Amino acid sequence: MDRLIESLSRCFDLDTARAVTELRHDELVWRRMEELGAKASDGRLSPEEDGEYEALIEVSDVIATLQLKAREKLAKAKAA
């Protein structure tokens, strides 16, 4: 997955990089993650919820990595 993210991040122009750094979770998604996280901590997730929670975590990780790459691109552009 890292190679795919790296390839994608090379496509960012500066406007795209700025937009990616400003991405935030949708409020409903954020609340769902909190709900599932609390249930996971208590050991109360159903198999379906566990799959949903894992998917949300994976997507969040991808977004965080893309944001890191975007910040790096912006920092390099600023330094140039």
PDB file of N, CA and C in Angstrom:
ATOM      1  N   MET A   1       0.819  -1.188   0.000  1.00  0.00           N
ATOM      2  CA  MET A   1       0.000   0.000   0.000  1.00  0.00           C
ATOM      3  C   MET A   1       0.866   1.256   0.000  1.00  0.00           C
ATOM      4  N   ASP A   2       2.000   1.205   0.673  1.00  0.00           N
ATOM      5  CA  ASP A   2       2.873   2.375   0.738  1.00  0.00           C
ATOM      6  C   ASP A   2       3.290   2.853  -0.648  1.00  0.00           C
ATOM      7  N   ARG A   3       3.567   1.927  -1.540  1.00  0.00           N
ATOM      8  CA  ARG A   3       3.978   2.310  -2.891  1.00  0.00           C
ATOM      9  C   ARG A   3       2.839   2.989  -3.645  1.00  0.00           C
ATOM     10  N   LEU A   4       1.612   2.515  -3.434  1.00  0.00           N
ATOM     11  CA  LEU A   4       0.467   3.154  -4.069  1.00  0.00           C
ATOM     12  C   LEU A   4       0.259   4.577  -3.548  1.00  0.00           C
ATOM     13  N   ILE A   5       0.382   4.727  -2.257  1.00  0.00           N
ATOM     14  CA  ILE A   5       0.230   6.060  -1.660  1.00  0.00           C
ATOM     15  C   ILE A   5       1.324   6.984  -2.166  1.00  0.00           C
ATOM     16  N   GLU A   6       2.535   6.485  -2.240  1.00  0.00           N
ATOM     17  CA  GLU A   6       3.644   7.291  -2.744  1.00  0.00           C
ATOM     18  C   GLU A   6       3.383   7.723  -4.184  1.00  0.00           C
ATOM     19  N   SER A   7       2.925   6.803  -5.014  1.00  0.00           N
ATOM     20  CA  SER A   7       2.619   7.126  -6.412  1.00  0.00           C
ATOM     21  C   SER A   7       1.521   8.182  -6.497  1.00  0.00           C
ATOM     22  N   LEU A   8       0.494   8.014  -5.710  1.00  0.00           N
ATOM     23  CA  LEU A   8      -0.610   8.966  -5.714  1.00  0.00           C
ATOM     24  C   LEU A   8      -0.139  10.340  -5.258  1.00  0.00           C
ATOM     25  N   SER A   9       0.659  10.384  -4.222  1.00  0.00           N
ATOM     26  CA  SER A   9       1.089  11.677  -3.681  1.00  0.00           C
ATOM     27  C   SER A   9       1.973  12.440  -4.660  1.00  0.00           C
ATOM     28  N   ARG A  10       2.653  11.737  -5.572  1.00  0.00           N
ATOM     29  CA  ARG A  10       3.462  12.420  -6.584  1.00  0.00           C
ATOM     30  C   ARG A  10       2.603  13.182  -7.586  1.00  0.00           C
ATOM     31  N   CYS A  11       1.322  12.859  -7.629  1.00  0.00           N
ATOM     32  CA  CYS A  11       0.401  13.546  -8.546  1.00  0.00           C
ATOM     33  C   CYS A  11      -0.103  14.878  -7.981  1.00  0.00           C
ATOM     34  N   PHE A  12       0.158  15.146  -6.722  1.00  0.00           N
ATOM     35  CA  PHE A  12      -0.353  16.364  -6.098  1.00  0.00           C
ATOM     36  C   PHE A  12       0.317  17.602  -6.671  1.00  0.00           C
ATOM     37  N   ASP A  13      -0.504  18.563  -7.122  1.00  0.00           N
ATOM     38  CA  ASP A  13       0.036  19.891  -7.347  1.00  0.00           C
ATOM     39  C   ASP A  13      -0.119  20.628  -6.012  1.00  0.00           C
ATOM     40  N   LEU A  14       0.305  21.867  -5.946  1.00  0.00           N
ATOM     41  CA  LEU A  14       0.272  22.565  -4.654  1.00  0.00           C
ATOM     42  C   LEU A  14      -1.151  22.788  -4.150  1.00  0.00           C
ATOM     43  N   ASP A  15      -2.090  23.080  -5.052  1.00  0.00           N
ATOM     44  CA  ASP A  15      -3.478  23.267  -4.622  1.00  0.00           C
ATOM     45  C   ASP A  15      -4.056  21.971  -4.055  1.00  0.00           C
ATOM     46  N   THR A  16      -3.757  20.871  -4.717  1.00  0.00           N
ATOM     47  CA  THR A  16      -4.239  19.578  -4.236  1.00  0.00           C
ATOM     48  C   THR A  16      -3.613  19.244  -2.890  1.00  0.00           C
ATOM     49  N   ALA A  17      -2.324  19.492  -2.761  1.00  0.00           N
ATOM     50  CA  ALA A  17      -1.640  19.225  -1.496  1.00  0.00           C
ATOM     51  C   ALA A  17      -2.272  20.029  -0.367  1.00  0.00           C
ATOM     52  N   ARG A  18      -2.572  21.306  -0.628  1.00  0.00           N
ATOM     53  CA  ARG A  18      -3.219  22.124   0.409  1.00  0.00           C
ATOM     54  C   ARG A  18      -4.586  21.550   0.783  1.00  0.00           C
ATOM     55  N   ALA A  19      -5.355  21.161  -0.232  1.00  0.00           N
ATOM     56  CA  ALA A  19      -6.692  20.616   0.023  1.00  0.00           C
ATOM     57  C   ALA A  19      -6.612  19.325   0.839  1.00  0.00           C
ATOM     58  N   VAL A  20      -5.645  18.479   0.530  1.00  0.00           N
ATOM     59  CA  VAL A  20      -5.496  17.216   1.262  1.00  0.00           C
ATOM     60  C   VAL A  20      -5.149  17.480   2.725  1.00  0.00           C
ATOM     61  N   THR A  21      -4.305  18.465   2.981  1.00  0.00           N
ATOM     62  CA  THR A  21      -3.945  18.759   4.372  1.00  0.00           C
ATOM     63  C   THR A  21      -5.134  19.274   5.173  1.00  0.00           C
ATOM     64  N   GLU A  22      -6.147  19.793   4.487  1.00  0.00           N
ATOM     65  CA  GLU A  22      -7.316  20.341   5.174  1.00  0.00           C
ATOM     66  C   GLU A  22      -8.460  19.337   5.328  1.00  0.00           C
ATOM     67  N   LEU A  23      -8.283  18.119   4.820  1.00  0.00           N
ATOM     68  CA  LEU A  23      -9.329  17.107   4.953  1.00  0.00           C
ATOM     69  C   LEU A  23      -9.592  16.801   6.420  1.00  0.00           C
ATOM     70  N   ARG A  24     -10.856  16.706   6.766  1.00  0.00           N
ATOM     71  CA  ARG A  24     -11.251  16.339   8.124  1.00  0.00           C
ATOM     72  C   ARG A  24     -12.339  15.276   8.022  1.00  0.00           C
ATOM     73  N   HIS A  25     -12.472  14.482   9.063  1.00  0.00           N
ATOM     74  CA  HIS A  25     -13.527  13.474   9.103  1.00  0.00           C
ATOM     75  C   HIS A  25     -14.883  14.158   9.104  1.00  0.00           C
ATOM     76  N   ASP A  26     -15.808  13.567   8.396  1.00  0.00           N
ATOM     77  CA  ASP A  26     -17.195  13.952   8.467  1.00  0.00           C
ATOM     78  C   ASP A  26     -17.668  13.704   9.900  1.00  0.00           C
ATOM     79  N   GLU A  27     -18.510  14.568  10.410  1.00  0.00           N
ATOM     80  CA  GLU A  27     -18.967  14.459  11.805  1.00  0.00           C
ATOM     81  C   GLU A  27     -19.640  13.109  12.087  1.00  0.00           C
ATOM     82  N   LEU A  28     -20.481  12.641  11.162  1.00  0.00           N
ATOM     83  CA  LEU A  28     -21.154  11.356  11.371  1.00  0.00           C
ATOM     84  C   LEU A  28     -20.157  10.202  11.377  1.00  0.00           C
ATOM     85  N   VAL A  29     -19.158  10.273  10.519  1.00  0.00           N
ATOM     86  CA  VAL A  29     -18.127   9.229  10.476  1.00  0.00           C
ATOM     87  C   VAL A  29     -17.334   9.254  11.777  1.00  0.00           C
ATOM     88  N   TRP A  30     -16.987  10.438  12.222  1.00  0.00           N
ATOM     89  CA  TRP A  30     -16.217  10.580  13.468  1.00  0.00           C
ATOM     90  C   TRP A  30     -16.985   9.986  14.656  1.00  0.00           C
ATOM     91  N   ARG A  31     -18.288  10.290  14.723  1.00  0.00           N
ATOM     92  CA  ARG A  31     -19.097   9.747  15.817  1.00  0.00           C
ATOM     93  C   ARG A  31     -19.182   8.224  15.742  1.00  0.00           C
ATOM     94  N   ARG A  32     -19.313   7.701  14.523  1.00  0.00           N
ATOM     95  CA  ARG A  32     -19.387   6.243  14.358  1.00  0.00           C
ATOM     96  C   ARG A  32     -18.082   5.589  14.803  1.00  0.00           C
ATOM     97  N   MET A  33     -16.958   6.210  14.439  1.00  0.00           N
ATOM     98  CA  MET A  33     -15.666   5.662  14.862  1.00  0.00           C
ATOM     99  C   MET A  33     -15.551   5.659  16.380  1.00  0.00           C
ATOM    100  N   GLU A  34     -16.000   6.726  17.010  1.00  0.00           N
ATOM    101  CA  GLU A  34     -15.960   6.786  18.472  1.00  0.00           C
ATOM    102  C   GLU A  34     -16.848   5.701  19.086  1.00  0.00           C
ATOM    103  N   GLU A  35     -18.044   5.539  18.530  1.00  0.00           N
ATOM    104  CA  GLU A  35     -18.968   4.515  19.024  1.00  0.00           C
ATOM    105  C   GLU A  35     -18.360   3.121  18.886  1.00  0.00           C
ATOM    106  N   LEU A  36     -17.828   2.837  17.703  1.00  0.00           N
ATOM    107  CA  LEU A  36     -17.228   1.522  17.480  1.00  0.00           C
ATOM    108  C   LEU A  36     -15.980   1.331  18.342  1.00  0.00           C
ATOM    109  N   GLY A  37     -15.201   2.388  18.518  1.00  0.00           N
ATOM    110  CA  GLY A  37     -14.008   2.305  19.361  1.00  0.00           C
ATOM    111  C   GLY A  37     -14.355   1.984  20.805  1.00  0.00           C
ATOM    112  N   ALA A  38     -15.425   2.603  21.293  1.00  0.00           N
ATOM    113  CA  ALA A  38     -15.858   2.325  22.669  1.00  0.00           C
ATOM    114  C   ALA A  38     -16.326   0.875  22.801  1.00  0.00           C
ATOM    115  N   LYS A  39     -17.079   0.421  21.804  1.00  0.00           N
ATOM    116  CA  LYS A  39     -17.542  -0.967  21.848  1.00  0.00           C
ATOM    117  C   LYS A  39     -16.367  -1.938  21.734  1.00  0.00           C
ATOM    118  N   ALA A  40     -15.383  -1.591  20.923  1.00  0.00           N
ATOM    119  CA  ALA A  40     -14.197  -2.449  20.781  1.00  0.00           C
ATOM    120  C   ALA A  40     -13.443  -2.535  22.100  1.00  0.00           C
ATOM    121  N   SER A  41     -13.329  -1.418  22.784  1.00  0.00           N
ATOM    122  CA  SER A  41     -12.636  -1.409  24.076  1.00  0.00           C
ATOM    123  C   SER A  41     -13.339  -2.288  25.103  1.00  0.00           C
ATOM    124  N   ASP A  42     -14.658  -2.358  24.979  1.00  0.00           N
ATOM    125  CA  ASP A  42     -15.444  -3.178  25.901  1.00  0.00           C
ATOM    126  C   ASP A  42     -15.612  -4.614  25.417  1.00  0.00           C
ATOM    127  N   GLY A  43     -15.071  -4.912  24.228  1.00  0.00           N
ATOM    128  CA  GLY A  43     -15.197  -6.253  23.675  1.00  0.00           C
ATOM    129  C   GLY A  43     -16.605  -6.590  23.207  1.00  0.00           C
ATOM    130  N   ARG A  44     -17.358  -5.573  22.764  1.00  0.00           N
ATOM    131  CA  ARG A  44     -18.749  -5.783  22.391  1.00  0.00           C
ATOM    132  C   ARG A  44     -19.023  -5.634  20.894  1.00  0.00           C
ATOM    133  N   LEU A  45     -18.003  -5.641  20.047  1.00  0.00           N
ATOM    134  CA  LEU A  45     -18.222  -5.484  18.606  1.00  0.00           C
ATOM    135  C   LEU A  45     -18.747  -6.772  17.977  1.00  0.00           C
ATOM    136  N   SER A  46     -19.750  -6.630  17.137  1.00  0.00           N
ATOM    137  CA  SER A  46     -20.197  -7.778  16.343  1.00  0.00           C
ATOM    138  C   SER A  46     -19.173  -7.980  15.221  1.00  0.00           C
ATOM    139  N   PRO A  47     -19.185  -9.115  14.561  1.00  0.00           N
ATOM    140  CA  PRO A  47     -18.257  -9.316  13.437  1.00  0.00           C
ATOM    141  C   PRO A  47     -18.418  -8.241  12.351  1.00  0.00           C
ATOM    142  N   GLU A  48     -19.654  -7.830  12.076  1.00  0.00           N
ATOM    143  CA  GLU A  48     -19.898  -6.794  11.073  1.00  0.00           C
ATOM    144  C   GLU A  48     -19.317  -5.453  11.524  1.00  0.00           C
ATOM    145  N   GLU A  49     -19.533  -5.132  12.787  1.00  0.00           N
ATOM    146  CA  GLU A  49     -18.989  -3.882  13.327  1.00  0.00           C
ATOM    147  C   GLU A  49     -17.474  -3.913  13.341  1.00  0.00           C
ATOM    148  N   ASP A  50     -16.906  -5.061  13.643  1.00  0.00           N
ATOM    149  CA  ASP A  50     -15.450  -5.188  13.648  1.00  0.00           C
ATOM    150  C   ASP A  50     -14.900  -4.901  12.252  1.00  0.00           C
ATOM    151  N   GLY A  51     -15.538  -5.446  11.222  1.00  0.00           N
ATOM    152  CA  GLY A  51     -15.108  -5.184   9.857  1.00  0.00           C
ATOM    153  C   GLY A  51     -15.243  -3.718   9.489  1.00  0.00           C
ATOM    154  N   GLU A  52     -16.343  -3.107   9.907  1.00  0.00           N
ATOM    155  CA  GLU A  52     -16.563  -1.688   9.647  1.00  0.00           C
ATOM    156  C   GLU A  52     -15.502  -0.838  10.348  1.00  0.00           C
ATOM    157  N   TYR A  53     -15.230  -1.173  11.600  1.00  0.00           N
ATOM    158  CA  TYR A  53     -14.247  -0.419  12.388  1.00  0.00           C
ATOM    159  C   TYR A  53     -12.848  -0.547  11.777  1.00  0.00           C
ATOM    160  N   GLU A  54     -12.482  -1.748  11.398  1.00  0.00           N
ATOM    161  CA  GLU A  54     -11.174  -1.952  10.759  1.00  0.00           C
ATOM    162  C   GLU A  54     -11.067  -1.151   9.470  1.00  0.00           C
ATOM    163  N   ALA A  55     -12.141  -1.142   8.672  1.00  0.00           N
ATOM    164  CA  ALA A  55     -12.135  -0.388   7.412  1.00  0.00           C
ATOM    165  C   ALA A  55     -11.983   1.109   7.671  1.00  0.00           C
ATOM    166  N   LEU A  56     -12.699   1.610   8.662  1.00  0.00           N
ATOM    167  CA  LEU A  56     -12.587   3.033   8.995  1.00  0.00           C
ATOM    168  C   LEU A  56     -11.178   3.389   9.464  1.00  0.00           C
ATOM    169  N   ILE A  57     -10.580   2.512  10.238  1.00  0.00           N
ATOM    170  CA  ILE A  57      -9.209   2.748  10.706  1.00  0.00           C
ATOM    171  C   ILE A  57      -8.244   2.747   9.520  1.00  0.00           C
ATOM    172  N   GLU A  58      -8.404   1.793   8.621  1.00  0.00           N
ATOM    173  CA  GLU A  58      -7.514   1.722   7.451  1.00  0.00           C
ATOM    174  C   GLU A  58      -7.642   2.969   6.587  1.00  0.00           C
ATOM    175  N   VAL A  59      -8.867   3.406   6.335  1.00  0.00           N
ATOM    176  CA  VAL A  59      -9.061   4.615   5.527  1.00  0.00           C
ATOM    177  C   VAL A  59      -8.461   5.822   6.241  1.00  0.00           C
ATOM    178  N   SER A  60      -8.648   5.903   7.538  1.00  0.00           N
ATOM    179  CA  SER A  60      -8.067   7.009   8.312  1.00  0.00           C
ATOM    180  C   SER A  60      -6.543   7.003   8.218  1.00  0.00           C
ATOM    181  N   ASP A  61      -5.957   5.821   8.268  1.00  0.00           N
ATOM    182  CA  ASP A  61      -4.500   5.712   8.139  1.00  0.00           C
ATOM    183  C   ASP A  61      -4.022   6.169   6.762  1.00  0.00           C
ATOM    184  N   VAL A  62      -4.756   5.798   5.716  1.00  0.00           N
ATOM    185  CA  VAL A  62      -4.397   6.213   4.358  1.00  0.00           C
ATOM    186  C   VAL A  62      -4.491   7.735   4.242  1.00  0.00           C
ATOM    187  N   ILE A  63      -5.571   8.302   4.757  1.00  0.00           N
ATOM    188  CA  ILE A  63      -5.730   9.755   4.706  1.00  0.00           C
ATOM    189  C   ILE A  63      -4.612  10.448   5.471  1.00  0.00           C
ATOM    190  N   ALA A  64      -4.275   9.951   6.640  1.00  0.00           N
ATOM    191  CA  ALA A  64      -3.195  10.548   7.440  1.00  0.00           C
ATOM    192  C   ALA A  64      -1.864  10.485   6.695  1.00  0.00           C
ATOM    193  N   THR A  65      -1.609   9.377   6.023  1.00  0.00           N
ATOM    194  CA  THR A  65      -0.362   9.241   5.260  1.00  0.00           C
ATOM    195  C   THR A  65      -0.355  10.196   4.080  1.00  0.00           C
ATOM    196  N   LEU A  66      -1.476  10.309   3.383  1.00  0.00           N
ATOM    197  CA  LEU A  66      -1.565  11.256   2.270  1.00  0.00           C
ATOM    198  C   LEU A  66      -1.381  12.695   2.753  1.00  0.00           C
ATOM    199  N   GLN A  67      -1.915  12.993   3.917  1.00  0.00           N
ATOM    200  CA  GLN A  67      -1.739  14.335   4.480  1.00  0.00           C
ATOM    201  C   GLN A  67      -0.270  14.601   4.806  1.00  0.00           C
ATOM    202  N   LEU A  68       0.409  13.607   5.327  1.00  0.00           N
ATOM    203  CA  LEU A  68       1.837  13.746   5.601  1.00  0.00           C
ATOM    204  C   LEU A  68       2.600  14.031   4.312  1.00  0.00           C
ATOM    205  N   LYS A  69       2.307  13.264   3.257  1.00  0.00           N
ATOM    206  CA  LYS A  69       2.967  13.468   1.969  1.00  0.00           C
ATOM    207  C   LYS A  69       2.652  14.859   1.424  1.00  0.00           C
ATOM    208  N   ALA A  70       1.422  15.307   1.581  1.00  0.00           N
ATOM    209  CA  ALA A  70       1.038  16.634   1.103  1.00  0.00           C
ATOM    210  C   ALA A  70       1.785  17.730   1.868  1.00  0.00           C
ATOM    211  N   ARG A  71       1.907  17.572   3.188  1.00  0.00           N
ATOM    212  CA  ARG A  71       2.654  18.563   3.983  1.00  0.00           C
ATOM    213  C   ARG A  71       4.119  18.593   3.571  1.00  0.00           C
ATOM    214  N   GLU A  72       4.687  17.425   3.283  1.00  0.00           N
ATOM    215  CA  GLU A  72       6.080  17.369   2.828  1.00  0.00           C
ATOM    216  C   GLU A  72       6.236  18.110   1.504  1.00  0.00           C
ATOM    217  N   LYS A  73       5.306  17.913   0.573  1.00  0.00           N
ATOM    218  CA  LYS A  73       5.367  18.588  -0.716  1.00  0.00           C
ATOM    219  C   LYS A  73       5.279  20.110  -0.530  1.00  0.00           C
ATOM    220  N   LEU A  74       4.376  20.554   0.325  1.00  0.00           N
ATOM    221  CA  LEU A  74       4.235  21.987   0.588  1.00  0.00           C
ATOM    222  C   LEU A  74       5.493  22.572   1.240  1.00  0.00           C
ATOM    223  N   ALA A  75       6.078  21.815   2.159  1.00  0.00           N
ATOM    224  CA  ALA A  75       7.306  22.277   2.808  1.00  0.00           C
ATOM    225  C   ALA A  75       8.455  22.387   1.811  1.00  0.00           C
ATOM    226  N   LYS A  76       8.569  21.421   0.910  1.00  0.00           N
ATOM    227  CA  LYS A  76       9.613  21.486  -0.109  1.00  0.00           C
ATOM    228  C   LYS A  76       9.410  22.660  -1.052  1.00  0.00           C
ATOM    229  N   ALA A  77       8.153  22.924  -1.410  1.00  0.00           N
ATOM    230  CA  ALA A  77       7.856  24.045  -2.301  1.00  0.00           C
ATOM    231  C   ALA A  77       8.172  25.367  -1.620  1.00  0.00           C
ATOM    232  N   LYS A  78       7.886  25.449  -0.336  1.00  0.00           N
ATOM    233  CA  LYS A  78       8.162  26.676   0.409  1.00  0.00           C
ATOM    234  C   LYS A  78       9.658  26.918   0.552  1.00  0.00           C
ATOM    235  N   ALA A  79      10.417  25.836   0.714  1.00  0.00           N
ATOM    236  CA  ALA A  79      11.869  25.940   0.887  1.00  0.00           C
ATOM    237  C   ALA A  79      12.566  26.296  -0.422  1.00  0.00           C
ATOM    238  N   ALA A  80      11.930  25.997  -1.546  1.00  0.00           N
ATOM    239  CA  ALA A  80      12.563  26.243  -2.862  1.00  0.00           C
ATOM    240  C   ALA A  80      12.511  27.679  -3.280  1.00  0.00           C
TER     241      ALA A  80
END
